[in-house]
Amino acid sequence: MELAYYSDYAVRLVNTEEPGRNRDSLTSVEAVRELFGPAPQGGRRATDSDVTRFRSVRGRLRAVFTAADAGEETQAVDLLNALLLEFPVSPQISGHDHRDEDGRPKWHMHLADHPSNATAGYAAIAAMGLAFHLTEYGVDRLGLCQAAPCRNAYLDTSTNRSRRYCSDRCATRANVAAYRARKRLETERSAGTSRTAETTQDAT
């Protein structure tokens, strides 16, 4: 079962909003349908009502990431369990869309949802994928980008659990900002040392 693929559903939805930049790209049915990516059949049933419902689920998923990022493991699990109860899925063997070189089905596990609307289907898969990731790799593998003002969600797949940023771009921006801050501090310290030396000379 492609756990990373399913957990990415949660990340994609959460990152449609950037609170620190006052941006929200989840504003239309088309935006909802785009979230389904290579599985567009789920988005075909989306309606205008799903925009509001998707935003509600997005807030709840972000709360899971926020709790995990703050080290509140139990809270993160409780929030995710609430989503799993509300939006259940069932495992199903699938292979009709994948064939090997001999034309035989390439059987694999698939998360089958039985939704009443597009939001329920997406939420079910996103929550289950995130649950698999959390139990397989740990709550601390769910994070929020540390490069202010970005607070995008990410899944840490690094070998040493060291990821802090959602992208290389944010990592570079944070490193440049830290470098400039160090340089400013060095300049201020140097200026302070010079003033102290001048004051000492004047006193003598």
C-alpha atoms as a PDB file:
ATOM      1  CA  MET A   1       0.000   0.000   0.000  1.00  0.00           C
ATOM      2  CA  GLU A   2       1.441   3.363  -1.021  1.00  0.00           C
ATOM      3  CA  LEU A   3       1.278   5.055   2.350  1.00  0.00           C
ATOM      4  CA  ALA A   4       3.184   8.170   1.294  1.00  0.00           C
ATOM      5  CA  TYR A   5       0.762   8.703  -1.573  1.00  0.00           C
ATOM      6  CA  TYR A   6      -2.289   8.636   0.674  1.00  0.00           C
ATOM      7  CA  SER A   7      -0.745  10.803   3.395  1.00  0.00           C
ATOM      8  CA  ASP A   8       0.102  13.407   0.754  1.00  0.00           C
ATOM      9  CA  TYR A   9      -3.641  13.996   0.401  1.00  0.00           C
ATOM     10  CA  ALA A  10      -3.589  15.576   3.857  1.00  0.00           C
ATOM     11  CA  VAL A  11      -0.536  17.706   3.104  1.00  0.00           C
ATOM     12  CA  ARG A  12      -1.975  18.951  -0.191  1.00  0.00           C
ATOM     13  CA  LEU A  13      -5.205  20.048   1.462  1.00  0.00           C
ATOM     14  CA  VAL A  14      -3.589  21.733   4.472  1.00  0.00           C
ATOM     15  CA  ASN A  15      -1.220  23.672   2.232  1.00  0.00           C
ATOM     16  CA  THR A  16      -3.989  25.267   0.200  1.00  0.00           C
ATOM     17  CA  GLU A  17      -3.998  27.872   2.954  1.00  0.00           C
ATOM     18  CA  GLU A  18      -1.064  30.015   4.093  1.00  0.00           C
ATOM     19  CA  PRO A  19      -2.292  31.835   7.221  1.00  0.00           C
ATOM     20  CA  GLY A  20       0.958  33.776   7.681  1.00  0.00           C
ATOM     21  CA  ARG A  21       0.639  35.240   4.200  1.00  0.00           C
ATOM     22  CA  ASN A  22      -3.165  35.595   4.277  1.00  0.00           C
ATOM     23  CA  ARG A  23      -3.496  33.352   1.203  1.00  0.00           C
ATOM     24  CA  ASP A  24      -6.130  30.755   0.408  1.00  0.00           C
ATOM     25  CA  SER A  25      -6.220  28.919  -2.912  1.00  0.00           C
ATOM     26  CA  LEU A  26      -9.235  26.779  -1.987  1.00  0.00           C
ATOM     27  CA  THR A  27     -11.825  29.126  -3.451  1.00  0.00           C
ATOM     28  CA  SER A  28     -13.634  27.168  -6.160  1.00  0.00           C
ATOM     29  CA  VAL A  29     -14.913  23.764  -7.238  1.00  0.00           C
ATOM     30  CA  GLU A  30     -12.031  23.605  -9.721  1.00  0.00           C
ATOM     31  CA  ALA A  31      -9.558  24.014  -6.844  1.00  0.00           C
ATOM     32  CA  VAL A  32     -11.269  21.154  -5.004  1.00  0.00           C
ATOM     33  CA  ARG A  33     -11.048  18.896  -8.053  1.00  0.00           C
ATOM     34  CA  GLU A  34      -7.349  19.675  -8.526  1.00  0.00           C
ATOM     35  CA  LEU A  35      -6.634  18.297  -5.058  1.00  0.00           C
ATOM     36  CA  PHE A  36      -7.540  14.794  -6.224  1.00  0.00           C
ATOM     37  CA  GLY A  37      -4.509  14.855  -8.542  1.00  0.00           C
ATOM     38  CA  PRO A  38      -4.059  11.656 -10.568  1.00  0.00           C
ATOM     39  CA  ALA A  39      -7.336  10.240  -9.188  1.00  0.00           C
ATOM     40  CA  PRO A  40      -9.766  12.747 -10.739  1.00  0.00           C
ATOM     41  CA  GLN A  41     -12.789  10.465 -10.522  1.00  0.00           C
ATOM     42  CA  GLY A  42     -13.170  11.437  -6.861  1.00  0.00           C
ATOM     43  CA  GLY A  43     -13.379  15.099  -7.754  1.00  0.00           C
ATOM     44  CA  ARG A  44     -16.009  14.715 -10.432  1.00  0.00           C
ATOM     45  CA  ARG A  45     -18.763  14.693  -7.834  1.00  0.00           C
ATOM     46  CA  ALA A  46     -17.543  17.947  -6.242  1.00  0.00           C
ATOM     47  CA  THR A  47     -20.048  20.810  -5.974  1.00  0.00           C
ATOM     48  CA  ASP A  48     -19.956  24.364  -4.647  1.00  0.00           C
ATOM     49  CA  SER A  49     -20.907  23.047  -1.206  1.00  0.00           C
ATOM     50  CA  ASP A  50     -17.678  21.051  -1.069  1.00  0.00           C
ATOM     51  CA  VAL A  51     -15.575  24.212  -1.004  1.00  0.00           C
ATOM     52  CA  THR A  52     -16.854  25.066   2.490  1.00  0.00           C
ATOM     53  CA  ARG A  53     -16.724  21.440   3.632  1.00  0.00           C
ATOM     54  CA  PHE A  54     -13.134  21.048   2.394  1.00  0.00           C
ATOM     55  CA  ARG A  55     -12.111  24.150   4.316  1.00  0.00           C
ATOM     56  CA  SER A  56     -13.579  22.680   7.486  1.00  0.00           C
ATOM     57  CA  VAL A  57     -11.644  19.417   7.052  1.00  0.00           C
ATOM     58  CA  ARG A  58      -8.532  21.422   6.212  1.00  0.00           C
ATOM     59  CA  GLY A  59      -8.715  23.226   9.546  1.00  0.00           C
ATOM     60  CA  ARG A  60      -9.029  19.925  11.398  1.00  0.00           C
ATOM     61  CA  LEU A  61      -6.086  18.386   9.546  1.00  0.00           C
ATOM     62  CA  ARG A  62      -3.963  21.469  10.219  1.00  0.00           C
ATOM     63  CA  ALA A  63      -4.799  21.073  13.901  1.00  0.00           C
ATOM     64  CA  VAL A  64      -3.302  17.564  13.762  1.00  0.00           C
ATOM     65  CA  PHE A  65      -0.068  18.918  12.277  1.00  0.00           C
ATOM     66  CA  THR A  66      -0.008  21.815  14.749  1.00  0.00           C
ATOM     67  CA  ALA A  67      -0.358  19.486  17.730  1.00  0.00           C
ATOM     68  CA  ALA A  68       2.293  17.116  16.367  1.00  0.00           C
ATOM     69  CA  ASP A  69       4.670  20.008  15.669  1.00  0.00           C
ATOM     70  CA  ALA A  70       4.216  21.225  19.256  1.00  0.00           C
ATOM     71  CA  GLY A  71       5.009  17.769  20.641  1.00  0.00           C
ATOM     72  CA  GLU A  72       1.424  17.174  21.772  1.00  0.00           C
ATOM     73  CA  GLU A  73       1.294  13.531  20.659  1.00  0.00           C
ATOM     74  CA  THR A  74      -1.907  12.505  22.423  1.00  0.00           C
ATOM     75  CA  GLN A  75      -3.782  15.537  21.153  1.00  0.00           C
ATOM     76  CA  ALA A  76      -2.608  14.911  17.586  1.00  0.00           C
ATOM     77  CA  VAL A  77      -3.753  11.279  17.776  1.00  0.00           C
ATOM     78  CA  ASP A  78      -7.117  12.217  19.327  1.00  0.00           C
ATOM     79  CA  LEU A  79      -7.793  14.772  16.589  1.00  0.00           C
ATOM     80  CA  LEU A  80      -6.874  12.275  13.883  1.00  0.00           C
ATOM     81  CA  ASN A  81      -8.967   9.519  15.465  1.00  0.00           C
ATOM     82  CA  ALA A  82     -11.978  11.845  15.400  1.00  0.00           C
ATOM     83  CA  LEU A  83     -11.515  12.266  11.644  1.00  0.00           C
ATOM     84  CA  LEU A  84     -11.131   8.515  11.139  1.00  0.00           C
ATOM     85  CA  LEU A  85     -14.379   7.867  12.974  1.00  0.00           C
ATOM     86  CA  GLU A  86     -16.252  10.486  10.984  1.00  0.00           C
ATOM     87  CA  PHE A  87     -14.798   9.527   7.600  1.00  0.00           C
ATOM     88  CA  PRO A  88     -14.215   5.742   7.509  1.00  0.00           C
ATOM     89  CA  VAL A  89     -12.643   3.750   4.677  1.00  0.00           C
ATOM     90  CA  SER A  90     -12.144   0.056   4.014  1.00  0.00           C
ATOM     91  CA  PRO A  91      -9.169  -1.751   2.441  1.00  0.00           C
ATOM     92  CA  GLN A  92      -9.783  -3.335  -0.928  1.00  0.00           C
ATOM     93  CA  ILE A  93      -7.641  -5.348  -3.347  1.00  0.00           C
ATOM     94  CA  SER A  94      -7.341  -3.571  -6.673  1.00  0.00           C
ATOM     95  CA  GLY A  95      -5.530  -4.158  -9.931  1.00  0.00           C
ATOM     96  CA  HIS A  96      -7.839  -3.359 -12.810  1.00  0.00           C
ATOM     97  CA  ASP A  97      -5.882  -0.230 -13.782  1.00  0.00           C
ATOM     98  CA  HIS A  98      -2.410  -1.803 -13.499  1.00  0.00           C
ATOM     99  CA  ARG A  99      -1.119  -4.618 -15.702  1.00  0.00           C
ATOM    100  CA  ASP A 100       2.237  -6.369 -15.853  1.00  0.00           C
ATOM    101  CA  GLU A 101       4.069  -7.141 -19.105  1.00  0.00           C
ATOM    102  CA  ASP A 102       2.007 -10.308 -19.519  1.00  0.00           C
ATOM    103  CA  GLY A 103      -1.251  -8.408 -19.195  1.00  0.00           C
ATOM    104  CA  ARG A 104      -2.053  -9.805 -15.761  1.00  0.00           C
ATOM    105  CA  PRO A 105      -3.414  -7.507 -13.032  1.00  0.00           C
ATOM    106  CA  LYS A 106      -0.811  -6.106 -10.627  1.00  0.00           C
ATOM    107  CA  TRP A 107      -2.737  -6.602  -7.416  1.00  0.00           C
ATOM    108  CA  HIS A 108      -2.265  -4.055  -4.652  1.00  0.00           C
ATOM    109  CA  MET A 109      -4.074  -2.743  -1.598  1.00  0.00           C
ATOM    110  CA  HIS A 110      -6.317   0.233  -2.171  1.00  0.00           C
ATOM    111  CA  LEU A 111      -8.248   2.409   0.272  1.00  0.00           C
ATOM    112  CA  ALA A 112     -11.869   2.272  -0.814  1.00  0.00           C
ATOM    113  CA  ASP A 113     -14.093   5.091   0.325  1.00  0.00           C
ATOM    114  CA  HIS A 114     -17.886   5.097   0.304  1.00  0.00           C
ATOM    115  CA  PRO A 115     -18.612   8.810   0.440  1.00  0.00           C
ATOM    116  CA  SER A 116     -21.823  10.759   0.324  1.00  0.00           C
ATOM    117  CA  ASN A 117     -19.926  13.663  -1.263  1.00  0.00           C
ATOM    118  CA  ALA A 118     -16.484  14.614  -2.553  1.00  0.00           C
ATOM    119  CA  THR A 119     -15.369  16.008   0.813  1.00  0.00           C
ATOM    120  CA  ALA A 120     -16.162  12.785   2.665  1.00  0.00           C
ATOM    121  CA  GLY A 121     -14.209  10.752   0.107  1.00  0.00           C
ATOM    122  CA  TYR A 122     -11.154  12.984   0.226  1.00  0.00           C
ATOM    123  CA  ALA A 123     -11.209  13.341   4.012  1.00  0.00           C
ATOM    124  CA  ALA A 124     -11.413   9.571   4.478  1.00  0.00           C
ATOM    125  CA  ILE A 125      -8.348   8.887   2.347  1.00  0.00           C
ATOM    126  CA  ALA A 126      -6.374  11.831   3.749  1.00  0.00           C
ATOM    127  CA  ALA A 127      -7.061  10.852   7.363  1.00  0.00           C
ATOM    128  CA  MET A 128      -6.271   7.174   6.793  1.00  0.00           C
ATOM    129  CA  GLY A 129      -3.072   7.993   4.910  1.00  0.00           C
ATOM    130  CA  LEU A 130      -1.964  10.329   7.685  1.00  0.00           C
ATOM    131  CA  ALA A 131      -2.796   7.682  10.281  1.00  0.00           C
ATOM    132  CA  PHE A 132      -0.644   5.122   8.475  1.00  0.00           C
ATOM    133  CA  HIS A 133       2.243   7.592   8.301  1.00  0.00           C
ATOM    134  CA  LEU A 134       1.905   8.529  11.973  1.00  0.00           C
ATOM    135  CA  THR A 135       1.836   4.950  13.246  1.00  0.00           C
ATOM    136  CA  GLU A 136       4.602   3.792  10.919  1.00  0.00           C
ATOM    137  CA  TYR A 137       7.071   6.642  11.437  1.00  0.00           C
ATOM    138  CA  GLY A 138       5.966   8.495  14.588  1.00  0.00           C
ATOM    139  CA  VAL A 139       4.040  11.645  15.462  1.00  0.00           C
ATOM    140  CA  ASP A 140       7.213  13.725  15.270  1.00  0.00           C
ATOM    141  CA  ARG A 141       7.327  13.044  11.529  1.00  0.00           C
ATOM    142  CA  LEU A 142       4.439  15.474  11.064  1.00  0.00           C
ATOM    143  CA  GLY A 143       5.676  19.039  10.973  1.00  0.00           C
ATOM    144  CA  LEU A 144       5.038  22.657  10.060  1.00  0.00           C
ATOM    145  CA  CYS A 145       7.614  24.702   8.173  1.00  0.00           C
ATOM    146  CA  GLN A 146       9.879  26.753  10.455  1.00  0.00           C
ATOM    147  CA  ALA A 147      10.658  29.407   7.830  1.00  0.00           C
ATOM    148  CA  ALA A 148       8.406  32.295   8.868  1.00  0.00           C
ATOM    149  CA  PRO A 149       5.892  33.327   7.676  1.00  0.00           C
ATOM    150  CA  CYS A 150       5.460  29.956   5.951  1.00  0.00           C
ATOM    151  CA  ARG A 151       3.686  27.336   8.040  1.00  0.00           C
ATOM    152  CA  ASN A 152       3.097  24.714   5.372  1.00  0.00           C
ATOM    153  CA  ALA A 153       2.650  21.150   6.541  1.00  0.00           C
ATOM    154  CA  TYR A 154       5.155  18.449   5.612  1.00  0.00           C
ATOM    155  CA  LEU A 155       5.906  14.798   6.274  1.00  0.00           C
ATOM    156  CA  ASP A 156       9.440  14.173   7.494  1.00  0.00           C
ATOM    157  CA  THR A 157      10.942  11.199   5.673  1.00  0.00           C
ATOM    158  CA  SER A 158      14.568  12.009   6.485  1.00  0.00           C
ATOM    159  CA  THR A 159      16.668   9.231   8.007  1.00  0.00           C
ATOM    160  CA  ASN A 160      17.611  11.272  11.084  1.00  0.00           C
ATOM    161  CA  ARG A 161      14.305  13.074  11.705  1.00  0.00           C
ATOM    162  CA  SER A 162      15.963  16.405  10.969  1.00  0.00           C
ATOM    163  CA  ARG A 163      13.556  18.060   8.541  1.00  0.00           C
ATOM    164  CA  ARG A 164      12.372  21.537   9.549  1.00  0.00           C
ATOM    165  CA  TYR A 165      11.172  23.089   6.313  1.00  0.00           C
ATOM    166  CA  CYS A 166       8.493  22.264   3.754  1.00  0.00           C
ATOM    167  CA  SER A 167      10.760  22.811   0.736  1.00  0.00           C
ATOM    168  CA  ASP A 168      14.313  23.541  -0.379  1.00  0.00           C
ATOM    169  CA  ARG A 169      13.214  27.090  -1.121  1.00  0.00           C
ATOM    170  CA  CYS A 170      12.130  27.700   2.468  1.00  0.00           C
ATOM    171  CA  ALA A 171      15.285  26.020   3.806  1.00  0.00           C
ATOM    172  CA  THR A 172      17.455  28.311   1.688  1.00  0.00           C
ATOM    173  CA  ARG A 173      15.489  31.378   2.727  1.00  0.00           C
ATOM    174  CA  ALA A 174      15.809  30.458   6.412  1.00  0.00           C
ATOM    175  CA  ASN A 175      19.547  29.812   6.088  1.00  0.00           C
ATOM    176  CA  VAL A 176      20.093  33.161   4.361  1.00  0.00           C
ATOM    177  CA  ALA A 177      18.077  34.944   7.066  1.00  0.00           C
ATOM    178  CA  ALA A 178      20.090  33.201   9.811  1.00  0.00           C
ATOM    179  CA  TYR A 179      23.365  34.114   8.088  1.00  0.00           C
ATOM    180  CA  ARG A 180      22.355  37.775   7.830  1.00  0.00           C
ATOM    181  CA  ALA A 181      21.284  37.807  11.467  1.00  0.00           C
ATOM    182  CA  ARG A 182      24.683  36.423  12.522  1.00  0.00           C
ATOM    183  CA  LYS A 183      26.453  39.054  10.422  1.00  0.00           C
ATOM    184  CA  ARG A 184      24.385  41.848  11.983  1.00  0.00           C
ATOM    185  CA  LEU A 185      25.188  40.549  15.459  1.00  0.00           C
ATOM    186  CA  GLU A 186      28.911  40.368  14.644  1.00  0.00           C
ATOM    187  CA  THR A 187      28.815  43.936  13.311  1.00  0.00           C
ATOM    188  CA  GLU A 188      26.993  45.191  16.399  1.00  0.00           C
ATOM    189  CA  ARG A 189      29.455  43.431  18.697  1.00  0.00           C
ATOM    190  CA  SER A 190      32.382  44.810  16.735  1.00  0.00           C
ATOM    191  CA  ALA A 191      30.942  48.317  16.918  1.00  0.00           C
ATOM    192  CA  GLY A 192      30.320  47.893  20.656  1.00  0.00           C
ATOM    193  CA  THR A 193      33.919  46.752  21.211  1.00  0.00           C
ATOM    194  CA  SER A 194      35.226  49.749  19.271  1.00  0.00           C
ATOM    195  CA  ARG A 195      33.129  52.194  21.300  1.00  0.00           C
ATOM    196  CA  THR A 196      34.338  50.572  24.547  1.00  0.00           C
ATOM    197  CA  ALA A 197      37.957  50.923  23.436  1.00  0.00           C
ATOM    198  CA  GLU A 198      37.444  54.592  22.485  1.00  0.00           C
ATOM    199  CA  THR A 199      35.814  55.305  25.840  1.00  0.00           C
ATOM    200  CA  THR A 200      38.753  53.668  27.652  1.00  0.00           C
ATOM    201  CA  GLN A 201      41.280  55.728  25.671  1.00  0.00           C
ATOM    202  CA  ASP A 202      39.406  58.949  26.395  1.00  0.00           C
ATOM    203  CA  ALA A 203      39.367  58.131  30.088  1.00  0.00           C
ATOM    204  CA  THR A 204      43.147  57.762  30.126  1.00  0.00           C
END
